[in-house]
């Protein structure tokens, strides 16, 4: 669990699929256009929006950050090659 001095980034999760990817595959994508200036943090806290039904409007999961890298959406989401933001 985070210590009182841990740096925590709150990640807004609009799609249950994104939370499942983070949980099962161990990664979370932040679109560059909406990324904060500081991403070198100790933890991610996942804020669940209305898409989560009864589990909405809460942070239920926190995960340690083990690293980060810059890549395109198409490299991460290989099942979506024609997505409008595939090359972002």
C-alpha atoms as a PDB file:
ATOM      1  CA  UNK A   1       0.000   0.000   0.000  1.00  0.00           C
ATOM      2  CA  UNK A   2       1.097   3.571  -0.601  1.00  0.00           C
ATOM      3  CA  UNK A   3       2.955   5.392   2.119  1.00  0.00           C
ATOM      4  CA  UNK A   4       2.018   8.952   3.129  1.00  0.00           C
ATOM      5  CA  UNK A   5       4.822  10.241   0.873  1.00  0.00           C
ATOM      6  CA  UNK A   6       3.922   8.144  -2.206  1.00  0.00           C
ATOM      7  CA  UNK A   7       3.141   9.994  -5.415  1.00  0.00           C
ATOM      8  CA  UNK A   8      -0.211   8.738  -6.754  1.00  0.00           C
ATOM      9  CA  UNK A   9      -1.764   9.431 -10.154  1.00  0.00           C
ATOM     10  CA  UNK A  10      -5.542   9.049 -10.342  1.00  0.00           C
ATOM     11  CA  UNK A  11      -6.429   7.352 -13.636  1.00  0.00           C
ATOM     12  CA  UNK A  12     -10.000   7.810 -14.854  1.00  0.00           C
ATOM     13  CA  UNK A  13     -11.402   4.507 -16.129  1.00  0.00           C
ATOM     14  CA  UNK A  14     -14.348   4.984 -18.505  1.00  0.00           C
ATOM     15  CA  UNK A  15     -14.509   1.400 -19.743  1.00  0.00           C
ATOM     16  CA  UNK A  16     -14.546  -1.805 -17.673  1.00  0.00           C
ATOM     17  CA  UNK A  17     -12.378  -3.395 -20.376  1.00  0.00           C
ATOM     18  CA  UNK A  18      -9.544  -0.974 -19.523  1.00  0.00           C
ATOM     19  CA  UNK A  19      -9.693  -1.962 -15.861  1.00  0.00           C
ATOM     20  CA  UNK A  20      -9.659  -5.637 -16.814  1.00  0.00           C
ATOM     21  CA  UNK A  21      -6.575  -5.076 -19.001  1.00  0.00           C
ATOM     22  CA  UNK A  22      -4.822  -3.359 -16.093  1.00  0.00           C
ATOM     23  CA  UNK A  23      -5.813  -6.141 -13.712  1.00  0.00           C
ATOM     24  CA  UNK A  24      -5.013  -9.130 -15.925  1.00  0.00           C
ATOM     25  CA  UNK A  25      -2.242  -7.881 -18.209  1.00  0.00           C
ATOM     26  CA  UNK A  26      -0.659  -5.425 -15.795  1.00  0.00           C
ATOM     27  CA  UNK A  27      -0.637  -2.300 -17.962  1.00  0.00           C
ATOM     28  CA  UNK A  28      -2.696   0.851 -18.365  1.00  0.00           C
ATOM     29  CA  UNK A  29      -2.594   3.285 -21.277  1.00  0.00           C
ATOM     30  CA  UNK A  30      -2.697   7.043 -20.907  1.00  0.00           C
ATOM     31  CA  UNK A  31      -3.360   8.882 -24.181  1.00  0.00           C
ATOM     32  CA  UNK A  32      -0.527  11.353 -24.769  1.00  0.00           C
ATOM     33  CA  UNK A  33      -2.958  14.195 -25.471  1.00  0.00           C
ATOM     34  CA  UNK A  34      -4.395  13.888 -21.962  1.00  0.00           C
ATOM     35  CA  UNK A  35      -1.304  12.693 -20.086  1.00  0.00           C
ATOM     36  CA  UNK A  36      -0.184  14.762 -17.112  1.00  0.00           C
ATOM     37  CA  UNK A  37       3.255  16.363 -17.164  1.00  0.00           C
ATOM     38  CA  UNK A  38       4.408  13.990 -14.422  1.00  0.00           C
ATOM     39  CA  UNK A  39       3.894  10.286 -15.026  1.00  0.00           C
ATOM     40  CA  UNK A  40       6.832   9.079 -12.944  1.00  0.00           C
ATOM     41  CA  UNK A  41       4.651   8.162  -9.976  1.00  0.00           C
ATOM     42  CA  UNK A  42       4.673   5.408  -7.378  1.00  0.00           C
ATOM     43  CA  UNK A  43       1.068   4.252  -7.777  1.00  0.00           C
ATOM     44  CA  UNK A  44      -1.971   4.470 -10.035  1.00  0.00           C
ATOM     45  CA  UNK A  45      -5.385   4.790  -8.407  1.00  0.00           C
ATOM     46  CA  UNK A  46      -8.210   3.780 -10.759  1.00  0.00           C
ATOM     47  CA  UNK A  47     -11.288   6.023 -10.541  1.00  0.00           C
ATOM     48  CA  UNK A  48     -14.330   4.176 -11.892  1.00  0.00           C
ATOM     49  CA  UNK A  49     -16.927   6.252 -13.767  1.00  0.00           C
ATOM     50  CA  UNK A  50     -20.636   5.641 -14.460  1.00  0.00           C
ATOM     51  CA  UNK A  51     -19.723   2.755 -16.797  1.00  0.00           C
ATOM     52  CA  UNK A  52     -19.186   0.613 -13.678  1.00  0.00           C
ATOM     53  CA  UNK A  53     -22.803   0.581 -12.506  1.00  0.00           C
ATOM     54  CA  UNK A  54     -23.001  -0.017  -8.757  1.00  0.00           C
ATOM     55  CA  UNK A  55     -19.207   0.287  -8.503  1.00  0.00           C
ATOM     56  CA  UNK A  56     -19.160   3.766 -10.058  1.00  0.00           C
ATOM     57  CA  UNK A  57     -17.729   6.974  -8.589  1.00  0.00           C
ATOM     58  CA  UNK A  58     -15.034   5.287  -6.529  1.00  0.00           C
ATOM     59  CA  UNK A  59     -11.445   4.221  -6.383  1.00  0.00           C
ATOM     60  CA  UNK A  60     -11.526   0.519  -5.686  1.00  0.00           C
ATOM     61  CA  UNK A  61      -8.084  -0.460  -7.010  1.00  0.00           C
ATOM     62  CA  UNK A  62      -4.580   0.917  -6.562  1.00  0.00           C
ATOM     63  CA  UNK A  63      -1.517  -0.547  -8.280  1.00  0.00           C
ATOM     64  CA  UNK A  64       2.221   0.102  -8.022  1.00  0.00           C
ATOM     65  CA  UNK A  65       3.862   1.555 -11.127  1.00  0.00           C
ATOM     66  CA  UNK A  66       6.747  -0.634 -12.265  1.00  0.00           C
ATOM     67  CA  UNK A  67       7.658   1.392 -15.353  1.00  0.00           C
ATOM     68  CA  UNK A  68       6.346   3.289 -18.325  1.00  0.00           C
ATOM     69  CA  UNK A  69       7.054   3.719 -22.021  1.00  0.00           C
ATOM     70  CA  UNK A  70       5.817   5.684 -24.998  1.00  0.00           C
ATOM     71  CA  UNK A  71       4.143   3.615 -27.716  1.00  0.00           C
ATOM     72  CA  UNK A  72       1.240   3.822 -30.134  1.00  0.00           C
ATOM     73  CA  UNK A  73      -2.278   2.660 -29.411  1.00  0.00           C
ATOM     74  CA  UNK A  74      -2.025   0.131 -32.263  1.00  0.00           C
ATOM     75  CA  UNK A  75       0.947  -1.561 -30.594  1.00  0.00           C
ATOM     76  CA  UNK A  76      -1.040  -1.991 -27.386  1.00  0.00           C
ATOM     77  CA  UNK A  77      -4.477  -2.687 -28.825  1.00  0.00           C
ATOM     78  CA  UNK A  78      -3.587  -4.998 -31.705  1.00  0.00           C
ATOM     79  CA  UNK A  79      -7.217  -6.084 -32.097  1.00  0.00           C
ATOM     80  CA  UNK A  80      -8.146  -2.499 -33.116  1.00  0.00           C
ATOM     81  CA  UNK A  81      -5.904  -1.738 -36.149  1.00  0.00           C
ATOM     82  CA  UNK A  82      -8.487   0.572 -37.730  1.00  0.00           C
ATOM     83  CA  UNK A  83      -9.287   2.607 -34.621  1.00  0.00           C
ATOM     84  CA  UNK A  84      -9.267   6.373 -35.395  1.00  0.00           C
ATOM     85  CA  UNK A  85      -6.462   6.867 -32.858  1.00  0.00           C
ATOM     86  CA  UNK A  86      -4.464   3.757 -33.759  1.00  0.00           C
ATOM     87  CA  UNK A  87      -1.320   5.721 -34.593  1.00  0.00           C
ATOM     88  CA  UNK A  88      -1.535   8.067 -31.605  1.00  0.00           C
END
